[in-house]
Amino acid sequence: MKPPFTMIGANMKDSIDLLREIANMSACEKVCFFTIRDNIRYDATSRRFIYQVKPDFHLLSNSDKAKFRKGFKLLEDKDLVRRVSLGVYMINPKAIIPNDFQEELSIWNSISK
């Protein structure tokens, strides 16, 4: 069952207070998080959002690429992001609550830290 948005935060077991997390993120963490978030897209053919993303790193400056790598490590330690495969990343579904929550959560849980 998909948790309601109002339950993000202290009310849900293992929940993530995303607003607090973003407020406390370093510049590196924000570059990483928002690079992944900005690459989530809607696929009209399958009529669903694609949450596992492969960012276009060639669009990032060398400085932002370095920030992404550093930010990824920091966010991975906080269990906010994971690498699905080489160059493919996702945000913890408990932080953004995707439309297909259970499917994304099962993918998240299958990825080892």
PDB file of N, CA and C in Angstrom:
ATOM      1  N   MET A   1       0.842  -1.183   0.000  1.00  0.00           N
ATOM      2  CA  MET A   1       0.000   0.000   0.000  1.00  0.00           C
ATOM      3  C   MET A   1       0.882   1.240   0.000  1.00  0.00           C
ATOM      4  N   LYS A   2       0.519   2.191  -0.808  1.00  0.00           N
ATOM      5  CA  LYS A   2       1.284   3.432  -0.929  1.00  0.00           C
ATOM      6  C   LYS A   2       0.972   4.345   0.247  1.00  0.00           C
ATOM      7  N   PRO A   3       1.990   4.805   0.974  1.00  0.00           N
ATOM      8  CA  PRO A   3       1.722   5.687   2.111  1.00  0.00           C
ATOM      9  C   PRO A   3       1.265   7.067   1.631  1.00  0.00           C
ATOM     10  N   PRO A   4       0.342   7.686   2.355  1.00  0.00           N
ATOM     11  CA  PRO A   4      -0.085   9.030   1.965  1.00  0.00           C
ATOM     12  C   PRO A   4       1.036  10.031   2.211  1.00  0.00           C
ATOM     13  N   PHE A   5       1.051  11.096   1.413  1.00  0.00           N
ATOM     14  CA  PHE A   5       2.099  12.100   1.542  1.00  0.00           C
ATOM     15  C   PHE A   5       2.138  12.708   2.934  1.00  0.00           C
ATOM     16  N   THR A   6       0.994  12.817   3.592  1.00  0.00           N
ATOM     17  CA  THR A   6       0.967  13.425   4.924  1.00  0.00           C
ATOM     18  C   THR A   6       1.726  12.598   5.944  1.00  0.00           C
ATOM     19  N   MET A   7       2.016  11.337   5.611  1.00  0.00           N
ATOM     20  CA  MET A   7       2.704  10.481   6.575  1.00  0.00           C
ATOM     21  C   MET A   7       4.220  10.535   6.437  1.00  0.00           C
ATOM     22  N   ILE A   8       4.725  11.285   5.470  1.00  0.00           N
ATOM     23  CA  ILE A   8       6.176  11.421   5.376  1.00  0.00           C
ATOM     24  C   ILE A   8       6.643  12.198   6.596  1.00  0.00           C
ATOM     25  N   GLY A   9       7.640  11.701   7.249  1.00  0.00           N
ATOM     26  CA  GLY A   9       8.136  12.362   8.446  1.00  0.00           C
ATOM     27  C   GLY A   9       8.059  11.431   9.627  1.00  0.00           C
ATOM     28  N   ALA A  10       7.816  11.972  10.784  1.00  0.00           N
ATOM     29  CA  ALA A  10       7.900  11.217  12.029  1.00  0.00           C
ATOM     30  C   ALA A  10       6.761  10.238  12.237  1.00  0.00           C
ATOM     31  N   ASN A  11       5.700  10.294  11.448  1.00  0.00           N
ATOM     32  CA  ASN A  11       4.539   9.443  11.697  1.00  0.00           C
ATOM     33  C   ASN A  11       4.624   8.062  11.069  1.00  0.00           C
ATOM     34  N   MET A  12       5.518   7.867  10.114  1.00  0.00           N
ATOM     35  CA  MET A  12       5.580   6.602   9.402  1.00  0.00           C
ATOM     36  C   MET A  12       6.848   5.848   9.793  1.00  0.00           C
ATOM     37  N   LYS A  13       6.696   4.563  10.056  1.00  0.00           N
ATOM     38  CA  LYS A  13       7.868   3.757  10.410  1.00  0.00           C
ATOM     39  C   LYS A  13       8.875   3.805   9.270  1.00  0.00           C
ATOM     40  N   ASP A  14      10.135   3.996   9.600  1.00  0.00           N
ATOM     41  CA  ASP A  14      11.213   4.093   8.618  1.00  0.00           C
ATOM     42  C   ASP A  14      10.990   5.218   7.619  1.00  0.00           C
ATOM     43  N   SER A  15      10.312   6.255   8.045  1.00  0.00           N
ATOM     44  CA  SER A  15       9.998   7.348   7.133  1.00  0.00           C
ATOM     45  C   SER A  15      11.175   8.301   6.981  1.00  0.00           C
ATOM     46  N   ILE A  16      11.090   9.133   5.977  1.00  0.00           N
ATOM     47  CA  ILE A  16      12.128  10.123   5.708  1.00  0.00           C
ATOM     48  C   ILE A  16      11.459  11.488   5.678  1.00  0.00           C
ATOM     49  N   ASP A  17      11.929  12.386   6.488  1.00  0.00           N
ATOM     50  CA  ASP A  17      11.435  13.756   6.471  1.00  0.00           C
ATOM     51  C   ASP A  17      12.238  14.493   5.404  1.00  0.00           C
ATOM     52  N   LEU A  18      11.760  14.429   4.171  1.00  0.00           N
ATOM     53  CA  LEU A  18      12.516  14.941   3.039  1.00  0.00           C
ATOM     54  C   LEU A  18      12.777  16.439   3.140  1.00  0.00           C
ATOM     55  N   LEU A  19      11.818  17.199   3.628  1.00  0.00           N
ATOM     56  CA  LEU A  19      12.035  18.638   3.759  1.00  0.00           C
ATOM     57  C   LEU A  19      13.199  18.936   4.697  1.00  0.00           C
ATOM     58  N   ARG A  20      13.254  18.227   5.811  1.00  0.00           N
ATOM     59  CA  ARG A  20      14.362  18.421   6.748  1.00  0.00           C
ATOM     60  C   ARG A  20      15.683  17.972   6.133  1.00  0.00           C
ATOM     61  N   GLU A  21      15.649  16.838   5.421  1.00  0.00           N
ATOM     62  CA  GLU A  21      16.862  16.341   4.778  1.00  0.00           C
ATOM     63  C   GLU A  21      17.392  17.344   3.755  1.00  0.00           C
ATOM     64  N   ILE A  22      16.512  17.888   2.931  1.00  0.00           N
ATOM     65  CA  ILE A  22      16.950  18.856   1.919  1.00  0.00           C
ATOM     66  C   ILE A  22      17.485  20.116   2.585  1.00  0.00           C
ATOM     67  N   ALA A  23      16.818  20.564   3.636  1.00  0.00           N
ATOM     68  CA  ALA A  23      17.272  21.768   4.340  1.00  0.00           C
ATOM     69  C   ALA A  23      18.674  21.589   4.907  1.00  0.00           C
ATOM     70  N   ASN A  24      19.027  20.361   5.287  1.00  0.00           N
ATOM     71  CA  ASN A  24      20.332  20.095   5.893  1.00  0.00           C
ATOM     72  C   ASN A  24      21.385  19.588   4.911  1.00  0.00           C
ATOM     73  N   MET A  25      21.031  19.500   3.627  1.00  0.00           N
ATOM     74  CA  MET A  25      21.981  18.995   2.641  1.00  0.00           C
ATOM     75  C   MET A  25      23.085  20.003   2.343  1.00  0.00           C
ATOM     76  N   SER A  26      24.275  19.469   2.131  1.00  0.00           N
ATOM     77  CA  SER A  26      25.391  20.291   1.655  1.00  0.00           C
ATOM     78  C   SER A  26      25.159  20.594   0.173  1.00  0.00           C
ATOM     79  N   ALA A  27      25.968  21.481  -0.379  1.00  0.00           N
ATOM     80  CA  ALA A  27      25.863  21.813  -1.809  1.00  0.00           C
ATOM     81  C   ALA A  27      26.093  20.571  -2.664  1.00  0.00           C
ATOM     82  N   CYS A  28      27.024  19.726  -2.272  1.00  0.00           N
ATOM     83  CA  CYS A  28      27.308  18.495  -3.028  1.00  0.00           C
ATOM     84  C   CYS A  28      26.108  17.552  -3.013  1.00  0.00           C
ATOM     85  N   GLU A  29      25.502  17.411  -1.851  1.00  0.00           N
ATOM     86  CA  GLU A  29      24.340  16.535  -1.741  1.00  0.00           C
ATOM     87  C   GLU A  29      23.184  17.058  -2.586  1.00  0.00           C
ATOM     88  N   LYS A  30      22.997  18.381  -2.606  1.00  0.00           N
ATOM     89  CA  LYS A  30      21.915  18.962  -3.405  1.00  0.00           C
ATOM     90  C   LYS A  30      22.146  18.749  -4.893  1.00  0.00           C
ATOM     91  N   VAL A  31      23.386  18.891  -5.347  1.00  0.00           N
ATOM     92  CA  VAL A  31      23.678  18.643  -6.764  1.00  0.00           C
ATOM     93  C   VAL A  31      23.313  17.211  -7.122  1.00  0.00           C
ATOM     94  N   CYS A  32      23.704  16.272  -6.296  1.00  0.00           N
ATOM     95  CA  CYS A  32      23.410  14.860  -6.549  1.00  0.00           C
ATOM     96  C   CYS A  32      21.906  14.605  -6.519  1.00  0.00           C
ATOM     97  N   PHE A  33      21.253  15.006  -5.445  1.00  0.00           N
ATOM     98  CA  PHE A  33      19.827  14.732  -5.276  1.00  0.00           C
ATOM     99  C   PHE A  33      19.012  15.322  -6.417  1.00  0.00           C
ATOM    100  N   PHE A  34      19.251  16.592  -6.732  1.00  0.00           N
ATOM    101  CA  PHE A  34      18.437  17.248  -7.746  1.00  0.00           C
ATOM    102  C   PHE A  34      18.816  16.816  -9.158  1.00  0.00           C
ATOM    103  N   THR A  35      20.037  16.358  -9.373  1.00  0.00           N
ATOM    104  CA  THR A  35      20.382  15.792 -10.676  1.00  0.00           C
ATOM    105  C   THR A  35      19.580  14.522 -10.911  1.00  0.00           C
ATOM    106  N   ILE A  36      19.490  13.683  -9.894  1.00  0.00           N
ATOM    107  CA  ILE A  36      18.693  12.457 -10.018  1.00  0.00           C
ATOM    108  C   ILE A  36      17.214  12.811 -10.151  1.00  0.00           C
ATOM    109  N   ARG A  37      16.717  13.657  -9.274  1.00  0.00           N
ATOM    110  CA  ARG A  37      15.296  14.028  -9.297  1.00  0.00           C
ATOM    111  C   ARG A  37      14.891  14.661 -10.630  1.00  0.00           C
ATOM    112  N   ASP A  38      15.738  15.507 -11.174  1.00  0.00           N
ATOM    113  CA  ASP A  38      15.410  16.198 -12.419  1.00  0.00           C
ATOM    114  C   ASP A  38      15.423  15.273 -13.631  1.00  0.00           C
ATOM    115  N   ASN A  39      15.975  14.086 -13.486  1.00  0.00           N
ATOM    116  CA  ASN A  39      15.997  13.131 -14.590  1.00  0.00           C
ATOM    117  C   ASN A  39      14.873  12.101 -14.514  1.00  0.00           C
ATOM    118  N   ILE A  40      14.052  12.150 -13.478  1.00  0.00           N
ATOM    119  CA  ILE A  40      12.862  11.303 -13.430  1.00  0.00           C
ATOM    120  C   ILE A  40      11.948  11.805 -14.540  1.00  0.00           C
ATOM    121  N   ARG A  41      11.455  10.870 -15.346  1.00  0.00           N
ATOM    122  CA  ARG A  41      10.656  11.296 -16.493  1.00  0.00           C
ATOM    123  C   ARG A  41       9.423  10.419 -16.663  1.00  0.00           C
ATOM    124  N   TYR A  42       8.487  10.951 -17.406  1.00  0.00           N
ATOM    125  CA  TYR A  42       7.268  10.212 -17.722  1.00  0.00           C
ATOM    126  C   TYR A  42       7.435   9.560 -19.086  1.00  0.00           C
ATOM    127  N   ASP A  43       7.172   8.263 -19.151  1.00  0.00           N
ATOM    128  CA  ASP A  43       7.232   7.536 -20.409  1.00  0.00           C
ATOM    129  C   ASP A  43       5.807   7.336 -20.915  1.00  0.00           C
ATOM    130  N   ALA A  44       5.465   8.036 -21.989  1.00  0.00           N
ATOM    131  CA  ALA A  44       4.098   7.993 -22.514  1.00  0.00           C
ATOM    132  C   ALA A  44       3.726   6.605 -23.027  1.00  0.00           C
ATOM    133  N   THR A  45       4.692   5.860 -23.535  1.00  0.00           N
ATOM    134  CA  THR A  45       4.407   4.529 -24.069  1.00  0.00           C
ATOM    135  C   THR A  45       3.918   3.593 -22.972  1.00  0.00           C
ATOM    136  N   SER A  46       4.643   3.559 -21.860  1.00  0.00           N
ATOM    137  CA  SER A  46       4.249   2.667 -20.757  1.00  0.00           C
ATOM    138  C   SER A  46       3.286   3.342 -19.784  1.00  0.00           C
ATOM    139  N   ARG A  47       3.078   4.645 -19.973  1.00  0.00           N
ATOM    140  CA  ARG A  47       2.197   5.440 -19.117  1.00  0.00           C
ATOM    141  C   ARG A  47       2.611   5.361 -17.645  1.00  0.00           C
ATOM    142  N   ARG A  48       3.899   5.511 -17.425  1.00  0.00           N
ATOM    143  CA  ARG A  48       4.404   5.508 -16.050  1.00  0.00           C
ATOM    144  C   ARG A  48       5.653   6.360 -15.960  1.00  0.00           C
ATOM    145  N   PHE A  49       5.959   6.765 -14.741  1.00  0.00           N
ATOM    146  CA  PHE A  49       7.185   7.504 -14.503  1.00  0.00           C
ATOM    147  C   PHE A  49       8.344   6.530 -14.395  1.00  0.00           C
ATOM    148  N   ILE A  50       9.497   6.949 -14.856  1.00  0.00           N
ATOM    149  CA  ILE A  50      10.711   6.144 -14.783  1.00  0.00           C
ATOM    150  C   ILE A  50      11.567   6.750 -13.672  1.00  0.00           C
ATOM    151  N   TYR A  51      11.712   6.010 -12.570  1.00  0.00           N
ATOM    152  CA  TYR A  51      12.407   6.511 -11.381  1.00  0.00           C
ATOM    153  C   TYR A  51      13.870   6.103 -11.316  1.00  0.00           C
ATOM    154  N   GLN A  52      14.264   5.080 -12.081  1.00  0.00           N
ATOM    155  CA  GLN A  52      15.670   4.723 -12.170  1.00  0.00           C
ATOM    156  C   GLN A  52      16.224   5.529 -13.338  1.00  0.00           C
ATOM    157  N   VAL A  53      17.125   6.435 -13.054  1.00  0.00           N
ATOM    158  CA  VAL A  53      17.551   7.391 -14.072  1.00  0.00           C
ATOM    159  C   VAL A  53      19.041   7.284 -14.375  1.00  0.00           C
ATOM    160  N   LYS A  54      19.365   7.629 -15.596  1.00  0.00           N
ATOM    161  CA  LYS A  54      20.759   7.699 -16.024  1.00  0.00           C
ATOM    162  C   LYS A  54      21.023   9.157 -16.396  1.00  0.00           C
ATOM    163  N   PRO A  55      21.551   9.931 -15.445  1.00  0.00           N
ATOM    164  CA  PRO A  55      21.761  11.364 -15.704  1.00  0.00           C
ATOM    165  C   PRO A  55      22.701  11.606 -16.880  1.00  0.00           C
ATOM    166  N   ASP A  56      22.456  12.699 -17.581  1.00  0.00           N
ATOM    167  CA  ASP A  56      23.331  13.128 -18.674  1.00  0.00           C
ATOM    168  C   ASP A  56      24.500  13.893 -18.068  1.00  0.00           C
ATOM    169  N   PHE A  57      25.546  13.174 -17.713  1.00  0.00           N
ATOM    170  CA  PHE A  57      26.685  13.801 -17.050  1.00  0.00           C
ATOM    171  C   PHE A  57      27.441  14.755 -17.965  1.00  0.00           C
ATOM    172  N   HIS A  58      27.305  14.560 -19.273  1.00  0.00           N
ATOM    173  CA  HIS A  58      27.990  15.476 -20.188  1.00  0.00           C
ATOM    174  C   HIS A  58      27.389  16.886 -20.128  1.00  0.00           C
ATOM    175  N   LEU A  59      26.189  17.011 -19.561  1.00  0.00           N
ATOM    176  CA  LEU A  59      25.568  18.323 -19.398  1.00  0.00           C
ATOM    177  C   LEU A  59      26.052  19.034 -18.133  1.00  0.00           C
ATOM    178  N   LEU A  60      26.740  18.299 -17.252  1.00  0.00           N
ATOM    179  CA  LEU A  60      27.241  18.879 -16.007  1.00  0.00           C
ATOM    180  C   LEU A  60      28.664  19.397 -16.192  1.00  0.00           C
ATOM    181  N   SER A  61      28.970  20.457 -15.494  1.00  0.00           N
ATOM    182  CA  SER A  61      30.342  20.959 -15.498  1.00  0.00           C
ATOM    183  C   SER A  61      31.222  19.971 -14.727  1.00  0.00           C
ATOM    184  N   ASN A  62      32.526  20.077 -14.906  1.00  0.00           N
ATOM    185  CA  ASN A  62      33.447  19.203 -14.160  1.00  0.00           C
ATOM    186  C   ASN A  62      33.270  19.392 -12.664  1.00  0.00           C
ATOM    187  N   SER A  63      33.025  20.632 -12.251  1.00  0.00           N
ATOM    188  CA  SER A  63      32.794  20.930 -10.834  1.00  0.00           C
ATOM    189  C   SER A  63      31.551  20.210 -10.329  1.00  0.00           C
ATOM    190  N   ASP A  64      30.462  20.256 -11.107  1.00  0.00           N
ATOM    191  CA  ASP A  64      29.223  19.588 -10.694  1.00  0.00           C
ATOM    192  C   ASP A  64      29.358  18.067 -10.716  1.00  0.00           C
ATOM    193  N   LYS A  65      30.159  17.540 -11.639  1.00  0.00           N
ATOM    194  CA  LYS A  65      30.407  16.097 -11.655  1.00  0.00           C
ATOM    195  C   LYS A  65      31.106  15.669 -10.369  1.00  0.00           C
ATOM    196  N   ALA A  66      32.085  16.455  -9.943  1.00  0.00           N
ATOM    197  CA  ALA A  66      32.799  16.154  -8.697  1.00  0.00           C
ATOM    198  C   ALA A  66      31.854  16.275  -7.508  1.00  0.00           C
ATOM    199  N   LYS A  67      31.005  17.304  -7.516  1.00  0.00           N
ATOM    200  CA  LYS A  67      30.016  17.474  -6.443  1.00  0.00           C
ATOM    201  C   LYS A  67      29.040  16.307  -6.427  1.00  0.00           C
ATOM    202  N   PHE A  68      28.629  15.847  -7.610  1.00  0.00           N
ATOM    203  CA  PHE A  68      27.706  14.714  -7.690  1.00  0.00           C
ATOM    204  C   PHE A  68      28.317  13.490  -7.021  1.00  0.00           C
ATOM    205  N   ARG A  69      29.564  13.183  -7.369  1.00  0.00           N
ATOM    206  CA  ARG A  69      30.230  11.997  -6.796  1.00  0.00           C
ATOM    207  C   ARG A  69      30.332  12.093  -5.274  1.00  0.00           C
ATOM    208  N   LYS A  70      30.748  13.257  -4.792  1.00  0.00           N
ATOM    209  CA  LYS A  70      30.873  13.445  -3.341  1.00  0.00           C
ATOM    210  C   LYS A  70      29.498  13.408  -2.683  1.00  0.00           C
ATOM    211  N   GLY A  71      28.534  14.095  -3.286  1.00  0.00           N
ATOM    212  CA  GLY A  71      27.172  14.125  -2.744  1.00  0.00           C
ATOM    213  C   GLY A  71      26.530  12.755  -2.745  1.00  0.00           C
ATOM    214  N   PHE A  72      26.805  11.961  -3.797  1.00  0.00           N
ATOM    215  CA  PHE A  72      26.247  10.611  -3.857  1.00  0.00           C
ATOM    216  C   PHE A  72      26.707   9.785  -2.672  1.00  0.00           C
ATOM    217  N   LYS A  73      27.984   9.838  -2.382  1.00  0.00           N
ATOM    218  CA  LYS A  73      28.511   9.056  -1.254  1.00  0.00           C
ATOM    219  C   LYS A  73      27.842   9.463   0.057  1.00  0.00           C
ATOM    220  N   LEU A  74      27.683  10.779   0.254  1.00  0.00           N
ATOM    221  CA  LEU A  74      27.052  11.271   1.483  1.00  0.00           C
ATOM    222  C   LEU A  74      25.580  10.859   1.564  1.00  0.00           C
ATOM    223  N   LEU A  75      24.859  10.973   0.444  1.00  0.00           N
ATOM    224  CA  LEU A  75      23.437  10.603   0.432  1.00  0.00           C
ATOM    225  C   LEU A  75      23.244   9.095   0.505  1.00  0.00           C
ATOM    226  N   GLU A  76      24.174   8.355  -0.079  1.00  0.00           N
ATOM    227  CA  GLU A  76      24.116   6.893   0.007  1.00  0.00           C
ATOM    228  C   GLU A  76      24.287   6.457   1.460  1.00  0.00           C
ATOM    229  N   ASP A  77      25.173   7.116   2.190  1.00  0.00           N
ATOM    230  CA  ASP A  77      25.364   6.801   3.607  1.00  0.00           C
ATOM    231  C   ASP A  77      24.104   7.085   4.421  1.00  0.00           C
ATOM    232  N   LYS A  78      23.303   8.050   3.976  1.00  0.00           N
ATOM    233  CA  LYS A  78      22.037   8.392   4.646  1.00  0.00           C
ATOM    234  C   LYS A  78      20.881   7.542   4.120  1.00  0.00           C
ATOM    235  N   ASP A  79      21.149   6.663   3.162  1.00  0.00           N
ATOM    236  CA  ASP A  79      20.156   5.794   2.521  1.00  0.00           C
ATOM    237  C   ASP A  79      19.082   6.597   1.776  1.00  0.00           C
ATOM    238  N   LEU A  80      19.480   7.714   1.195  1.00  0.00           N
ATOM    239  CA  LEU A  80      18.553   8.519   0.384  1.00  0.00           C
ATOM    240  C   LEU A  80      18.661   8.208  -1.099  1.00  0.00           C
ATOM    241  N   VAL A  81      19.814   7.738  -1.549  1.00  0.00           N
ATOM    242  CA  VAL A  81      19.996   7.378  -2.955  1.00  0.00           C
ATOM    243  C   VAL A  81      20.778   6.073  -3.034  1.00  0.00           C
ATOM    244  N   ARG A  82      20.598   5.387  -4.155  1.00  0.00           N
ATOM    245  CA  ARG A  82      21.368   4.173  -4.418  1.00  0.00           C
ATOM    246  C   ARG A  82      21.698   4.106  -5.900  1.00  0.00           C
ATOM    247  N   ARG A  83      22.764   3.388  -6.205  1.00  0.00           N
ATOM    248  CA  ARG A  83      23.128   3.108  -7.588  1.00  0.00           C
ATOM    249  C   ARG A  83      22.472   1.789  -7.962  1.00  0.00           C
ATOM    250  N   VAL A  84      21.631   1.818  -8.994  1.00  0.00           N
ATOM    251  CA  VAL A  84      20.929   0.620  -9.454  1.00  0.00           C
ATOM    252  C   VAL A  84      21.877  -0.239 -10.285  1.00  0.00           C
ATOM    253  N   SER A  85      22.590   0.401 -11.180  1.00  0.00           N
ATOM    254  CA  SER A  85      23.602  -0.242 -12.009  1.00  0.00           C
ATOM    255  C   SER A  85      24.555   0.859 -12.467  1.00  0.00           C
ATOM    256  N   LEU A  86      25.520   0.517 -13.288  1.00  0.00           N
ATOM    257  CA  LEU A  86      26.515   1.495 -13.715  1.00  0.00           C
ATOM    258  C   LEU A  86      25.837   2.713 -14.340  1.00  0.00           C
ATOM    259  N   GLY A  87      25.981   3.861 -13.699  1.00  0.00           N
ATOM    260  CA  GLY A  87      25.431   5.113 -14.202  1.00  0.00           C
ATOM    261  C   GLY A  87      23.946   5.311 -14.000  1.00  0.00           C
ATOM    262  N   VAL A  88      23.280   4.364 -13.333  1.00  0.00           N
ATOM    263  CA  VAL A  88      21.834   4.451 -13.114  1.00  0.00           C
ATOM    264  C   VAL A  88      21.575   4.590 -11.618  1.00  0.00           C
ATOM    265  N   TYR A  89      20.776   5.590 -11.255  1.00  0.00           N
ATOM    266  CA  TYR A  89      20.548   5.931  -9.855  1.00  0.00           C
ATOM    267  C   TYR A  89      19.062   6.049  -9.559  1.00  0.00           C
ATOM    268  N   MET A  90      18.729   5.946  -8.277  1.00  0.00           N
ATOM    269  CA  MET A  90      17.357   6.203  -7.860  1.00  0.00           C
ATOM    270  C   MET A  90      17.342   6.814  -6.467  1.00  0.00           C
ATOM    271  N   ILE A  91      16.268   7.524  -6.189  1.00  0.00           N
ATOM    272  CA  ILE A  91      16.036   8.120  -4.877  1.00  0.00           C
ATOM    273  C   ILE A  91      15.174   7.152  -4.085  1.00  0.00           C
ATOM    274  N   ASN A  92      15.414   7.062  -2.789  1.00  0.00           N
ATOM    275  CA  ASN A  92      14.633   6.196  -1.915  1.00  0.00           C
ATOM    276  C   ASN A  92      13.144   6.490  -2.105  1.00  0.00           C
ATOM    277  N   PRO A  93      12.341   5.488  -2.472  1.00  0.00           N
ATOM    278  CA  PRO A  93      10.908   5.714  -2.692  1.00  0.00           C
ATOM    279  C   PRO A  93      10.176   6.235  -1.451  1.00  0.00           C
ATOM    280  N   LYS A  94      10.740   5.996  -0.272  1.00  0.00           N
ATOM    281  CA  LYS A  94      10.105   6.522   0.936  1.00  0.00           C
ATOM    282  C   LYS A  94      10.297   8.028   1.052  1.00  0.00           C
ATOM    283  N   ALA A  95      11.189   8.592   0.243  1.00  0.00           N
ATOM    284  CA  ALA A  95      11.425  10.033   0.276  1.00  0.00           C
ATOM    285  C   ALA A  95      10.551  10.774  -0.732  1.00  0.00           C
ATOM    286  N   ILE A  96      10.292  10.159  -1.889  1.00  0.00           N
ATOM    287  CA  ILE A  96       9.548  10.872  -2.930  1.00  0.00           C
ATOM    288  C   ILE A  96       8.184  10.265  -3.236  1.00  0.00           C
ATOM    289  N   ILE A  97       7.886   9.088  -2.722  1.00  0.00           N
ATOM    290  CA  ILE A  97       6.634   8.373  -2.934  1.00  0.00           C
ATOM    291  C   ILE A  97       6.226   8.350  -4.411  1.00  0.00           C
ATOM    292  N   PRO A  98       6.835   7.467  -5.186  1.00  0.00           N
ATOM    293  CA  PRO A  98       6.488   7.363  -6.600  1.00  0.00           C
ATOM    294  C   PRO A  98       5.070   6.825  -6.804  1.00  0.00           C
ATOM    295  N   ASN A  99       4.528   7.034  -8.000  1.00  0.00           N
ATOM    296  CA  ASN A  99       3.176   6.557  -8.309  1.00  0.00           C
ATOM    297  C   ASN A  99       3.065   5.051  -8.139  1.00  0.00           C
ATOM    298  N   ASP A 100       4.099   4.321  -8.529  1.00  0.00           N
ATOM    299  CA  ASP A 100       4.101   2.864  -8.407  1.00  0.00           C
ATOM    300  C   ASP A 100       4.984   2.472  -7.217  1.00  0.00           C
ATOM    301  N   PHE A 101       4.564   2.898  -6.040  1.00  0.00           N
ATOM    302  CA  PHE A 101       5.356   2.794  -4.814  1.00  0.00           C
ATOM    303  C   PHE A 101       5.854   1.380  -4.535  1.00  0.00           C
ATOM    304  N   GLN A 102       4.968   0.391  -4.567  1.00  0.00           N
ATOM    305  CA  GLN A 102       5.367  -0.974  -4.209  1.00  0.00           C
ATOM    306  C   GLN A 102       6.416  -1.526  -5.159  1.00  0.00           C
ATOM    307  N   GLU A 103       6.266  -1.264  -6.453  1.00  0.00           N
ATOM    308  CA  GLU A 103       7.245  -1.740  -7.431  1.00  0.00           C
ATOM    309  C   GLU A 103       8.603  -1.080  -7.209  1.00  0.00           C
ATOM    310  N   GLU A 104       8.595   0.222  -7.004  1.00  0.00           N
ATOM    311  CA  GLU A 104       9.852   0.938  -6.775  1.00  0.00           C
ATOM    312  C   GLU A 104      10.490   0.520  -5.456  1.00  0.00           C
ATOM    313  N   LEU A 105       9.676   0.292  -4.432  1.00  0.00           N
ATOM    314  CA  LEU A 105      10.199  -0.146  -3.140  1.00  0.00           C
ATOM    315  C   LEU A 105      10.837  -1.530  -3.256  1.00  0.00           C
ATOM    316  N   SER A 106      10.241  -2.406  -4.054  1.00  0.00           N
ATOM    317  CA  SER A 106      10.843  -3.736  -4.226  1.00  0.00           C
ATOM    318  C   SER A 106      12.175  -3.644  -4.966  1.00  0.00           C
ATOM    319  N   ILE A 107      12.271  -2.733  -5.944  1.00  0.00           N
ATOM    320  CA  ILE A 107      13.557  -2.515  -6.631  1.00  0.00           C
ATOM    321  C   ILE A 107      14.579  -1.970  -5.634  1.00  0.00           C
ATOM    322  N   TRP A 108      14.175  -0.971  -4.852  1.00  0.00           N
ATOM    323  CA  TRP A 108      15.057  -0.360  -3.851  1.00  0.00           C
ATOM    324  C   TRP A 108      15.580  -1.427  -2.885  1.00  0.00           C
ATOM    325  N   ASN A 109      14.672  -2.264  -2.405  1.00  0.00           N
ATOM    326  CA  ASN A 109      15.065  -3.285  -1.433  1.00  0.00           C
ATOM    327  C   ASN A 109      15.953  -4.371  -2.032  1.00  0.00           C
ATOM    328  N   SER A 110      15.908  -4.527  -3.351  1.00  0.00           N
ATOM    329  CA  SER A 110      16.745  -5.553  -3.993  1.00  0.00           C
ATOM    330  C   SER A 110      18.177  -5.078  -4.232  1.00  0.00           C
ATOM    331  N   ILE A 111      18.408  -3.760  -4.097  1.00  0.00           N
ATOM    332  CA  ILE A 111      19.734  -3.203  -4.320  1.00  0.00           C
ATOM    333  C   ILE A 111      20.511  -3.268  -3.005  1.00  0.00           C
ATOM    334  N   SER A 112      21.664  -3.882  -3.059  1.00  0.00           N
ATOM    335  CA  SER A 112      22.465  -3.938  -1.828  1.00  0.00           C
ATOM    336  C   SER A 112      23.156  -2.609  -1.608  1.00  0.00           C
ATOM    337  N   LYS A 113      23.334  -2.260  -0.358  1.00  0.00           N
ATOM    338  CA  LYS A 113      24.018  -1.010  -0.004  1.00  0.00           C
ATOM    339  C   LYS A 113      25.490  -1.173  -0.215  1.00  0.00           C
TER     340      LYS A 113
END
